[in-house]
Amino acid sequence: TAVNTEMITVASKSIGIRVKNKEGKFVCYNLIEKQNE
């Protein structure tokens, strides 16, 4: 049962890097989103 049980690990947080958006404001651009496997 354990071997045949698929266990999916997901990211508990989104993780990103600081970038400037089109308005010149600094934002975080998420390269990894919360709940990504």
Full PDB file with SEQRES, HELIX, SHEET, SSBOND, CRYST1, ORIGX, SCALE, CONECT and MASTER records, all heavy atoms in Angstrom:
SEQRES   1 A   37  THR ALA VAL ASN THR GLU MET ILE THR VAL ALA SER LYS          
SEQRES   2 A   37  SER ILE GLY ILE ARG VAL LYS ASN LYS GLU GLY LYS PHE          
SEQRES   3 A   37  VAL CYS TYR ASN LEU ILE GLU LYS GLN ASN GLU                  
SHEET    1 AA1 2 ILE A  15  LYS A  20  0                                        
SHEET    2 AA1 2 PHE A  26  ILE A  32 -1                                        
CRYST1    1.000    1.000    1.000  90.00  90.00  90.00 P 1           1          
ORIGX1      1.000000  0.000000  0.000000        0.00000                         
ORIGX2      0.000000  1.000000  0.000000        0.00000                         
ORIGX3      0.000000  0.000000  1.000000        0.00000                         
SCALE1      1.000000  0.000000  0.000000        0.00000                         
SCALE2      0.000000  1.000000  0.000000        0.00000                         
SCALE3      0.000000  0.000000  1.000000        0.00000                         
ATOM      1  N   THR A   1       0.826  -1.209   0.000  1.00  0.00           N  
ATOM      2  CA  THR A   1       0.000   0.000   0.000  1.00  0.00           C  
ATOM      3  C   THR A   1       0.857   1.255   0.000  1.00  0.00           C  
ATOM      4  O   THR A   1       0.604   2.208  -0.737  1.00  0.00           O  
ATOM      5  CB  THR A   1      -0.932   0.012   1.231  1.00  0.00           C  
ATOM      6  OG1 THR A   1      -1.797  -1.125   1.178  1.00  0.00           O  
ATOM      7  CG2 THR A   1      -1.771   1.287   1.259  1.00  0.00           C  
ATOM      8  N   ALA A   2       1.910   1.243   0.839  1.00  0.00           N  
ATOM      9  CA  ALA A   2       2.797   2.412   0.924  1.00  0.00           C  
ATOM     10  C   ALA A   2       3.503   2.659  -0.399  1.00  0.00           C  
ATOM     11  O   ALA A   2       3.622   3.798  -0.854  1.00  0.00           O  
ATOM     12  CB  ALA A   2       3.820   2.217   2.042  1.00  0.00           C  
ATOM     13  N   VAL A   3       3.957   1.592  -1.028  1.00  0.00           N  
ATOM     14  CA  VAL A   3       4.694   1.714  -2.292  1.00  0.00           C  
ATOM     15  C   VAL A   3       3.788   2.231  -3.409  1.00  0.00           C  
ATOM     16  O   VAL A   3       4.218   3.009  -4.261  1.00  0.00           O  
ATOM     17  CB  VAL A   3       5.319   0.363  -2.685  1.00  0.00           C  
ATOM     18  CG1 VAL A   3       5.871   0.408  -4.109  1.00  0.00           C  
ATOM     19  CG2 VAL A   3       6.428  -0.010  -1.699  1.00  0.00           C  
ATOM     20  N   ASN A   4       2.529   1.825  -3.376  1.00  0.00           N  
ATOM     21  CA  ASN A   4       1.599   2.201  -4.439  1.00  0.00           C  
ATOM     22  C   ASN A   4       0.842   3.491  -4.159  1.00  0.00           C  
ATOM     23  O   ASN A   4      -0.004   3.904  -4.951  1.00  0.00           O  
ATOM     24  CB  ASN A   4       0.591   1.064  -4.676  1.00  0.00           C  
ATOM     25  CG  ASN A   4       1.250  -0.169  -5.266  1.00  0.00           C  
ATOM     26  OD1 ASN A   4       2.191  -0.059  -6.050  1.00  0.00           O  
ATOM     27  ND2 ASN A   4       0.779  -1.340  -4.876  1.00  0.00           N  
ATOM     28  N   THR A   5       1.126   4.107  -3.014  1.00  0.00           N  
ATOM     29  CA  THR A   5       0.476   5.379  -2.672  1.00  0.00           C  
ATOM     30  C   THR A   5       1.313   6.524  -3.204  1.00  0.00           C  
ATOM     31  O   THR A   5       2.495   6.668  -2.859  1.00  0.00           O  
ATOM     32  CB  THR A   5       0.318   5.522  -1.151  1.00  0.00           C  
ATOM     33  OG1 THR A   5      -0.513   4.466  -0.667  1.00  0.00           O  
ATOM     34  CG2 THR A   5      -0.325   6.866  -0.812  1.00  0.00           C  
ATOM     35  N   GLU A   6       0.714   7.336  -4.042  1.00  0.00           N  
ATOM     36  CA  GLU A   6       1.435   8.477  -4.609  1.00  0.00           C  
ATOM     37  C   GLU A   6       1.356   9.652  -3.641  1.00  0.00           C  
ATOM     38  O   GLU A   6       0.270  10.098  -3.263  1.00  0.00           O  
ATOM     39  CB  GLU A   6       0.836   8.891  -5.950  1.00  0.00           C  
ATOM     40  CG  GLU A   6       1.591  10.035  -6.610  1.00  0.00           C  
ATOM     41  CD  GLU A   6       0.977  10.459  -7.937  1.00  0.00           C  
ATOM     42  OE1 GLU A   6      -0.103   9.944  -8.281  1.00  0.00           O  
ATOM     43  OE2 GLU A   6       1.574  11.304  -8.610  1.00  0.00           O  
ATOM     44  N   MET A   7       2.495  10.142  -3.229  1.00  0.00           N  
ATOM     45  CA  MET A   7       2.551  11.275  -2.308  1.00  0.00           C  
ATOM     46  C   MET A   7       3.161  12.464  -3.049  1.00  0.00           C  
ATOM     47  O   MET A   7       4.272  12.382  -3.567  1.00  0.00           O  
ATOM     48  CB  MET A   7       3.373  10.923  -1.065  1.00  0.00           C  
ATOM     49  CG  MET A   7       2.844   9.708  -0.325  1.00  0.00           C  
ATOM     50  SD  MET A   7       3.670   9.411   1.252  1.00  0.00           S  
ATOM     51  CE  MET A   7       3.044  10.754   2.235  1.00  0.00           C  
ATOM     52  N   ILE A   8       2.405  13.537  -3.090  1.00  0.00           N  
ATOM     53  CA  ILE A   8       2.830  14.718  -3.835  1.00  0.00           C  
ATOM     54  C   ILE A   8       3.258  15.809  -2.862  1.00  0.00           C  
ATOM     55  O   ILE A   8       2.490  16.205  -1.980  1.00  0.00           O  
ATOM     56  CB  ILE A   8       1.692  15.236  -4.736  1.00  0.00           C  
ATOM     57  CG1 ILE A   8       1.277  14.149  -5.739  1.00  0.00           C  
ATOM     58  CG2 ILE A   8       2.119  16.499  -5.471  1.00  0.00           C  
ATOM     59  CD1 ILE A   8       0.063  14.515  -6.551  1.00  0.00           C  
ATOM     60  N   THR A   9       4.478  16.275  -3.010  1.00  0.00           N  
ATOM     61  CA  THR A   9       4.980  17.388  -2.205  1.00  0.00           C  
ATOM     62  C   THR A   9       4.808  18.673  -3.004  1.00  0.00           C  
ATOM     63  O   THR A   9       5.127  18.724  -4.188  1.00  0.00           O  
ATOM     64  CB  THR A   9       6.471  17.190  -1.864  1.00  0.00           C  
ATOM     65  OG1 THR A   9       6.634  15.944  -1.197  1.00  0.00           O  
ATOM     66  CG2 THR A   9       6.965  18.313  -0.959  1.00  0.00           C  
ATOM     67  N   VAL A  10       4.276  19.694  -2.337  1.00  0.00           N  
ATOM     68  CA  VAL A  10       4.071  20.972  -3.020  1.00  0.00           C  
ATOM     69  C   VAL A  10       4.769  22.092  -2.248  1.00  0.00           C  
ATOM     70  O   VAL A  10       5.070  21.958  -1.066  1.00  0.00           O  
ATOM     71  CB  VAL A  10       2.573  21.301  -3.166  1.00  0.00           C  
ATOM     72  CG1 VAL A  10       1.871  20.256  -4.013  1.00  0.00           C  
ATOM     73  CG2 VAL A  10       1.891  21.421  -1.801  1.00  0.00           C  
ATOM     74  N   ALA A  11       5.008  23.175  -2.947  1.00  0.00           N  
ATOM     75  CA  ALA A  11       5.632  24.341  -2.320  1.00  0.00           C  
ATOM     76  C   ALA A  11       4.621  25.009  -1.394  1.00  0.00           C  
ATOM     77  O   ALA A  11       3.488  25.272  -1.786  1.00  0.00           O  
ATOM     78  CB  ALA A  11       6.098  25.322  -3.384  1.00  0.00           C  
ATOM     79  N   SER A  12       5.023  25.277  -0.167  1.00  0.00           N  
ATOM     80  CA  SER A  12       4.114  25.896   0.795  1.00  0.00           C  
ATOM     81  C   SER A  12       4.047  27.410   0.618  1.00  0.00           C  
ATOM     82  O   SER A  12       3.140  28.065   1.138  1.00  0.00           O  
ATOM     83  CB  SER A  12       4.563  25.572   2.222  1.00  0.00           C  
ATOM     84  OG  SER A  12       5.868  26.080   2.463  1.00  0.00           O  
ATOM     85  N   LYS A  13       5.005  27.972  -0.121  1.00  0.00           N  
ATOM     86  CA  LYS A  13       5.039  29.417  -0.378  1.00  0.00           C  
ATOM     87  C   LYS A  13       5.387  29.648  -1.845  1.00  0.00           C  
ATOM     88  O   LYS A  13       5.990  28.804  -2.497  1.00  0.00           O  
ATOM     89  CB  LYS A  13       6.110  30.095   0.484  1.00  0.00           C  
ATOM     90  CG  LYS A  13       5.920  29.963   1.988  1.00  0.00           C  
ATOM     91  CD  LYS A  13       4.938  30.960   2.518  1.00  0.00           C  
ATOM     92  CE  LYS A  13       4.886  30.915   4.050  1.00  0.00           C  
ATOM     93  NZ  LYS A  13       3.894  31.874   4.583  1.00  0.00           N  
ATOM     94  N   SER A  14       5.014  30.814  -2.328  1.00  0.00           N  
ATOM     95  CA  SER A  14       5.529  31.254  -3.621  1.00  0.00           C  
ATOM     96  C   SER A  14       6.903  31.870  -3.376  1.00  0.00           C  
ATOM     97  O   SER A  14       7.144  32.488  -2.335  1.00  0.00           O  
ATOM     98  CB  SER A  14       4.601  32.291  -4.248  1.00  0.00           C  
ATOM     99  OG  SER A  14       3.369  31.710  -4.614  1.00  0.00           O  
ATOM    100  N   ILE A  15       7.813  31.703  -4.331  1.00  0.00           N  
ATOM    101  CA  ILE A  15       9.167  32.240  -4.195  1.00  0.00           C  
ATOM    102  C   ILE A  15       9.508  32.999  -5.465  1.00  0.00           C  
ATOM    103  O   ILE A  15       9.311  32.498  -6.579  1.00  0.00           O  
ATOM    104  CB  ILE A  15      10.207  31.128  -3.968  1.00  0.00           C  
ATOM    105  CG1 ILE A  15       9.766  30.219  -2.820  1.00  0.00           C  
ATOM    106  CG2 ILE A  15      11.573  31.723  -3.667  1.00  0.00           C  
ATOM    107  CD1 ILE A  15      10.651  29.010  -2.627  1.00  0.00           C  
ATOM    108  N   GLY A  16       9.991  34.219  -5.303  1.00  0.00           N  
ATOM    109  CA  GLY A  16      10.271  35.031  -6.475  1.00  0.00           C  
ATOM    110  C   GLY A  16      11.461  35.945  -6.285  1.00  0.00           C  
ATOM    111  O   GLY A  16      12.145  35.925  -5.262  1.00  0.00           O  
ATOM    112  N   ILE A  17      11.693  36.763  -7.302  1.00  0.00           N  
ATOM    113  CA  ILE A  17      12.843  37.670  -7.306  1.00  0.00           C  
ATOM    114  C   ILE A  17      12.361  39.086  -7.565  1.00  0.00           C  
ATOM    115  O   ILE A  17      11.353  39.305  -8.247  1.00  0.00           O  
ATOM    116  CB  ILE A  17      13.878  37.232  -8.368  1.00  0.00           C  
ATOM    117  CG1 ILE A  17      15.206  37.949  -8.156  1.00  0.00           C  
ATOM    118  CG2 ILE A  17      13.343  37.419  -9.791  1.00  0.00           C  
ATOM    119  CD1 ILE A  17      16.360  37.284  -8.871  1.00  0.00           C  
ATOM    120  N   ARG A  18      13.076  40.048  -7.013  1.00  0.00           N  
ATOM    121  CA  ARG A  18      12.671  41.444  -7.186  1.00  0.00           C  
ATOM    122  C   ARG A  18      12.948  41.915  -8.607  1.00  0.00           C  
ATOM    123  O   ARG A  18      14.043  41.745  -9.137  1.00  0.00           O  
ATOM    124  CB  ARG A  18      13.433  42.348  -6.206  1.00  0.00           C  
ATOM    125  CG  ARG A  18      12.866  43.768  -6.148  1.00  0.00           C  
ATOM    126  CD  ARG A  18      13.766  44.689  -5.362  1.00  0.00           C  
ATOM    127  NE  ARG A  18      14.971  45.046  -6.114  1.00  0.00           N  
ATOM    128  CZ  ARG A  18      15.813  46.010  -5.750  1.00  0.00           C  
ATOM    129  NH1 ARG A  18      15.586  46.702  -4.637  1.00  0.00           N  
ATOM    130  NH2 ARG A  18      16.882  46.272  -6.477  1.00  0.00           N  
ATOM    131  N   VAL A  19      11.913  42.522  -9.224  1.00  0.00           N  
ATOM    132  CA  VAL A  19      12.053  43.103 -10.559  1.00  0.00           C  
ATOM    133  C   VAL A  19      11.281  44.419 -10.582  1.00  0.00           C  
ATOM    134  O   VAL A  19      10.464  44.699  -9.713  1.00  0.00           O  
ATOM    135  CB  VAL A  19      11.504  42.159 -11.664  1.00  0.00           C  
ATOM    136  CG1 VAL A  19      12.219  40.826 -11.653  1.00  0.00           C  
ATOM    137  CG2 VAL A  19      10.001  41.957 -11.504  1.00  0.00           C  
ATOM    138  N   LYS A  20      11.546  45.220 -11.603  1.00  0.00           N  
ATOM    139  CA  LYS A  20      10.763  46.431 -11.830  1.00  0.00           C  
ATOM    140  C   LYS A  20       9.648  46.115 -12.807  1.00  0.00           C  
ATOM    141  O   LYS A  20       9.888  45.510 -13.865  1.00  0.00           O  
ATOM    142  CB  LYS A  20      11.643  47.543 -12.420  1.00  0.00           C  
ATOM    143  CG  LYS A  20      12.415  48.351 -11.405  1.00  0.00           C  
ATOM    144  CD  LYS A  20      13.157  49.488 -12.108  1.00  0.00           C  
ATOM    145  CE  LYS A  20      13.935  50.333 -11.104  1.00  0.00           C  
ATOM    146  NZ  LYS A  20      14.685  51.434 -11.793  1.00  0.00           N  
ATOM    147  N   ASN A  21       8.418  46.533 -12.465  1.00  0.00           N  
ATOM    148  CA  ASN A  21       7.342  46.318 -13.421  1.00  0.00           C  
ATOM    149  C   ASN A  21       7.313  47.450 -14.442  1.00  0.00           C  
ATOM    150  O   ASN A  21       8.182  48.335 -14.439  1.00  0.00           O  
ATOM    151  CB  ASN A  21       5.991  46.162 -12.707  1.00  0.00           C  
ATOM    152  CG  ASN A  21       5.577  47.416 -11.955  1.00  0.00           C  
ATOM    153  OD1 ASN A  21       6.121  48.498 -12.165  1.00  0.00           O  
ATOM    154  ND2 ASN A  21       4.597  47.278 -11.076  1.00  0.00           N  
ATOM    155  N   LYS A  22       6.321  47.454 -15.317  1.00  0.00           N  
ATOM    156  CA  LYS A  22       6.264  48.441 -16.400  1.00  0.00           C  
ATOM    157  C   LYS A  22       6.098  49.864 -15.888  1.00  0.00           C  
ATOM    158  O   LYS A  22       6.434  50.832 -16.574  1.00  0.00           O  
ATOM    159  CB  LYS A  22       5.118  48.098 -17.359  1.00  0.00           C  
ATOM    160  CG  LYS A  22       5.315  46.781 -18.107  1.00  0.00           C  
ATOM    161  CD  LYS A  22       6.583  46.800 -18.938  1.00  0.00           C  
ATOM    162  CE  LYS A  22       6.771  45.508 -19.699  1.00  0.00           C  
ATOM    163  NZ  LYS A  22       8.029  45.503 -20.485  1.00  0.00           N  
ATOM    164  N   GLU A  23       5.571  49.993 -14.663  1.00  0.00           N  
ATOM    165  CA  GLU A  23       5.402  51.328 -14.080  1.00  0.00           C  
ATOM    166  C   GLU A  23       6.637  51.781 -13.306  1.00  0.00           C  
ATOM    167  O   GLU A  23       6.638  52.852 -12.696  1.00  0.00           O  
ATOM    168  CB  GLU A  23       4.184  51.337 -13.146  1.00  0.00           C  
ATOM    169  CG  GLU A  23       2.838  51.225 -13.850  1.00  0.00           C  
ATOM    170  CD  GLU A  23       2.594  49.831 -14.400  1.00  0.00           C  
ATOM    171  OE1 GLU A  23       2.914  48.855 -13.688  1.00  0.00           O  
ATOM    172  OE2 GLU A  23       2.115  49.715 -15.551  1.00  0.00           O  
ATOM    173  N   GLY A  24       7.683  50.964 -13.309  1.00  0.00           N  
ATOM    174  CA  GLY A  24       8.907  51.321 -12.602  1.00  0.00           C  
ATOM    175  C   GLY A  24       8.871  51.002 -11.124  1.00  0.00           C  
ATOM    176  O   GLY A  24       9.762  51.392 -10.375  1.00  0.00           O  
ATOM    177  N   LYS A  25       7.850  50.267 -10.684  1.00  0.00           N  
ATOM    178  CA  LYS A  25       7.727  49.911  -9.272  1.00  0.00           C  
ATOM    179  C   LYS A  25       8.356  48.535  -9.038  1.00  0.00           C  
ATOM    180  O   LYS A  25       8.194  47.614  -9.836  1.00  0.00           O  
ATOM    181  CB  LYS A  25       6.248  49.873  -8.878  1.00  0.00           C  
ATOM    182  CG  LYS A  25       5.993  49.407  -7.453  1.00  0.00           C  
ATOM    183  CD  LYS A  25       4.492  49.267  -7.205  1.00  0.00           C  
ATOM    184  CE  LYS A  25       4.236  48.690  -5.819  1.00  0.00           C  
ATOM    185  NZ  LYS A  25       2.788  48.464  -5.571  1.00  0.00           N  
ATOM    186  N   PHE A  26       9.072  48.394  -7.913  1.00  0.00           N  
ATOM    187  CA  PHE A  26       9.651  47.098  -7.572  1.00  0.00           C  
ATOM    188  C   PHE A  26       8.551  46.159  -7.083  1.00  0.00           C  
ATOM    189  O   PHE A  26       7.750  46.514  -6.199  1.00  0.00           O  
ATOM    190  CB  PHE A  26      10.724  47.245  -6.493  1.00  0.00           C  
ATOM    191  CG  PHE A  26      12.042  47.731  -7.024  1.00  0.00           C  
ATOM    192  CD1 PHE A  26      12.570  48.944  -6.596  1.00  0.00           C  
ATOM    193  CD2 PHE A  26      12.755  46.976  -7.936  1.00  0.00           C  
ATOM    194  CE1 PHE A  26      13.791  49.393  -7.082  1.00  0.00           C  
ATOM    195  CE2 PHE A  26      13.976  47.415  -8.428  1.00  0.00           C  
ATOM    196  CZ  PHE A  26      14.493  48.636  -8.002  1.00  0.00           C  
ATOM    197  N   VAL A  27       8.524  44.961  -7.644  1.00  0.00           N  
ATOM    198  CA  VAL A  27       7.593  43.921  -7.223  1.00  0.00           C  
ATOM    199  C   VAL A  27       8.360  42.606  -7.140  1.00  0.00           C  
ATOM    200  O   VAL A  27       9.515  42.517  -7.572  1.00  0.00           O  
ATOM    201  CB  VAL A  27       6.405  43.764  -8.207  1.00  0.00           C  
ATOM    202  CG1 VAL A  27       5.565  45.028  -8.253  1.00  0.00           C  
ATOM    203  CG2 VAL A  27       6.900  43.383  -9.604  1.00  0.00           C  
ATOM    204  N   CYS A  28       7.719  41.593  -6.594  1.00  0.00           N  
ATOM    205  CA  CYS A  28       8.297  40.246  -6.584  1.00  0.00           C  
ATOM    206  C   CYS A  28       7.666  39.460  -7.720  1.00  0.00           C  
ATOM    207  O   CYS A  28       6.441  39.355  -7.816  1.00  0.00           O  
ATOM    208  CB  CYS A  28       8.026  39.563  -5.247  1.00  0.00           C  
ATOM    209  SG  CYS A  28       8.568  37.840  -5.188  1.00  0.00           S  
ATOM    210  N   TYR A  29       8.502  38.923  -8.604  1.00  0.00           N  
ATOM    211  CA  TYR A  29       8.026  38.069  -9.693  1.00  0.00           C  
ATOM    212  C   TYR A  29       8.232  36.626  -9.252  1.00  0.00           C  
ATOM    213  O   TYR A  29       9.361  36.179  -9.056  1.00  0.00           O  
ATOM    214  CB  TYR A  29       8.781  38.354 -10.983  1.00  0.00           C  
ATOM    215  CG  TYR A  29       8.258  37.584 -12.177  1.00  0.00           C  
ATOM    216  CD1 TYR A  29       7.294  38.133 -13.015  1.00  0.00           C  
ATOM    217  CD2 TYR A  29       8.714  36.294 -12.454  1.00  0.00           C  
ATOM    218  CE1 TYR A  29       6.800  37.413 -14.099  1.00  0.00           C  
ATOM    219  CE2 TYR A  29       8.226  35.562 -13.528  1.00  0.00           C  
ATOM    220  CZ  TYR A  29       7.262  36.138 -14.348  1.00  0.00           C  
ATOM    221  OH  TYR A  29       6.769  35.426 -15.415  1.00  0.00           O  
ATOM    222  N   ASN A  30       7.140  35.886  -9.082  1.00  0.00           N  
ATOM    223  CA  ASN A  30       7.215  34.517  -8.565  1.00  0.00           C  
ATOM    224  C   ASN A  30       7.599  33.528  -9.659  1.00  0.00           C  
ATOM    225  O   ASN A  30       6.831  33.310 -10.604  1.00  0.00           O  
ATOM    226  CB  ASN A  30       5.870  34.112  -7.954  1.00  0.00           C  
ATOM    227  CG  ASN A  30       5.586  34.847  -6.658  1.00  0.00           C  
ATOM    228  OD1 ASN A  30       6.499  35.156  -5.900  1.00  0.00           O  
ATOM    229  ND2 ASN A  30       4.325  35.136  -6.410  1.00  0.00           N  
ATOM    230  N   LEU A  31       8.775  32.933  -9.528  1.00  0.00           N  
ATOM    231  CA  LEU A  31       9.173  31.872 -10.441  1.00  0.00           C  
ATOM    232  C   LEU A  31       8.628  30.530  -9.980  1.00  0.00           C  
ATOM    233  O   LEU A  31       8.416  29.628 -10.786  1.00  0.00           O  
ATOM    234  CB  LEU A  31      10.695  31.807 -10.566  1.00  0.00           C  
ATOM    235  CG  LEU A  31      11.302  32.842 -11.534  1.00  0.00           C  
ATOM    236  CD1 LEU A  31      11.591  34.134 -10.817  1.00  0.00           C  
ATOM    237  CD2 LEU A  31      12.553  32.302 -12.172  1.00  0.00           C  
ATOM    238  N   ILE A  32       8.440  30.380  -8.675  1.00  0.00           N  
ATOM    239  CA  ILE A  32       7.798  29.187  -8.127  1.00  0.00           C  
ATOM    240  C   ILE A  32       6.560  29.654  -7.386  1.00  0.00           C  
ATOM    241  O   ILE A  32       6.634  30.531  -6.521  1.00  0.00           O  
ATOM    242  CB  ILE A  32       8.743  28.427  -7.182  1.00  0.00           C  
ATOM    243  CG1 ILE A  32       9.910  27.837  -7.987  1.00  0.00           C  
ATOM    244  CG2 ILE A  32       7.999  27.324  -6.428  1.00  0.00           C  
ATOM    245  CD1 ILE A  32      10.965  27.171  -7.146  1.00  0.00           C  
ATOM    246  N   GLU A  33       5.416  29.086  -7.742  1.00  0.00           N  
ATOM    247  CA  GLU A  33       4.166  29.502  -7.120  1.00  0.00           C  
ATOM    248  C   GLU A  33       3.736  28.522  -6.042  1.00  0.00           C  
ATOM    249  O   GLU A  33       4.009  27.322  -6.116  1.00  0.00           O  
ATOM    250  CB  GLU A  33       3.056  29.626  -8.172  1.00  0.00           C  
ATOM    251  CG  GLU A  33       3.284  30.764  -9.150  1.00  0.00           C  
ATOM    252  CD  GLU A  33       2.113  30.949 -10.093  1.00  0.00           C  
ATOM    253  OE1 GLU A  33       0.956  30.899  -9.634  1.00  0.00           O  
ATOM    254  OE2 GLU A  33       2.354  31.130 -11.308  1.00  0.00           O  
ATOM    255  N   LYS A  34       3.091  29.061  -5.038  1.00  0.00           N  
ATOM    256  CA  LYS A  34       2.533  28.241  -3.965  1.00  0.00           C  
ATOM    257  C   LYS A  34       1.702  27.113  -4.564  1.00  0.00           C  
ATOM    258  O   LYS A  34       0.935  27.329  -5.485  1.00  0.00           O  
ATOM    259  CB  LYS A  34       1.662  29.135  -3.081  1.00  0.00           C  
ATOM    260  CG  LYS A  34       1.092  28.480  -1.825  1.00  0.00           C  
ATOM    261  CD  LYS A  34       0.189  29.464  -1.118  1.00  0.00           C  
ATOM    262  CE  LYS A  34      -0.485  28.856   0.099  1.00  0.00           C  
ATOM    263  NZ  LYS A  34       0.218  29.162   1.345  1.00  0.00           N  
ATOM    264  N   GLN A  35       1.892  25.919  -4.027  1.00  0.00           N  
ATOM    265  CA  GLN A  35       1.205  24.699  -4.450  1.00  0.00           C  
ATOM    266  C   GLN A  35       1.810  24.069  -5.704  1.00  0.00           C  
ATOM    267  O   GLN A  35       1.300  23.057  -6.178  1.00  0.00           O  
ATOM    268  CB  GLN A  35      -0.304  24.926  -4.669  1.00  0.00           C  
ATOM    269  CG  GLN A  35      -1.049  25.430  -3.447  1.00  0.00           C  
ATOM    270  CD  GLN A  35      -0.956  24.492  -2.246  1.00  0.00           C  
ATOM    271  OE1 GLN A  35      -1.022  23.286  -2.407  1.00  0.00           O  
ATOM    272  NE2 GLN A  35      -0.794  25.036  -1.056  1.00  0.00           N  
ATOM    273  N   ASN A  36       2.888  24.634  -6.258  1.00  0.00           N  
ATOM    274  CA  ASN A  36       3.600  23.943  -7.335  1.00  0.00           C  
ATOM    275  C   ASN A  36       4.163  22.631  -6.792  1.00  0.00           C  
ATOM    276  O   ASN A  36       4.694  22.583  -5.673  1.00  0.00           O  
ATOM    277  CB  ASN A  36       4.760  24.790  -7.855  1.00  0.00           C  
ATOM    278  CG  ASN A  36       4.330  25.854  -8.852  1.00  0.00           C  
ATOM    279  OD1 ASN A  36       5.106  26.716  -9.204  1.00  0.00           O  
ATOM    280  ND2 ASN A  36       3.095  25.805  -9.319  1.00  0.00           N  
ATOM    281  N   GLU A  37       4.082  21.580  -7.599  1.00  0.00           N  
ATOM    282  CA  GLU A  37       4.646  20.300  -7.182  1.00  0.00           C  
ATOM    283  C   GLU A  37       6.166  20.384  -7.186  1.00  0.00           C  
ATOM    284  O   GLU A  37       6.766  20.972  -8.071  1.00  0.00           O  
ATOM    285  CB  GLU A  37       4.171  19.199  -8.128  1.00  0.00           C  
ATOM    286  CG  GLU A  37       4.559  17.806  -7.700  1.00  0.00           C  
ATOM    287  CD  GLU A  37       3.985  16.727  -8.602  1.00  0.00           C  
ATOM    288  OE1 GLU A  37       3.024  17.024  -9.339  1.00  0.00           O  
ATOM    289  OE2 GLU A  37       4.505  15.587  -8.568  1.00  0.00           O  
TER     290      GLU A  37                                                      
MASTER        0    0    0    0    2    0    0    6  289    1    0    3          
END                                                                             
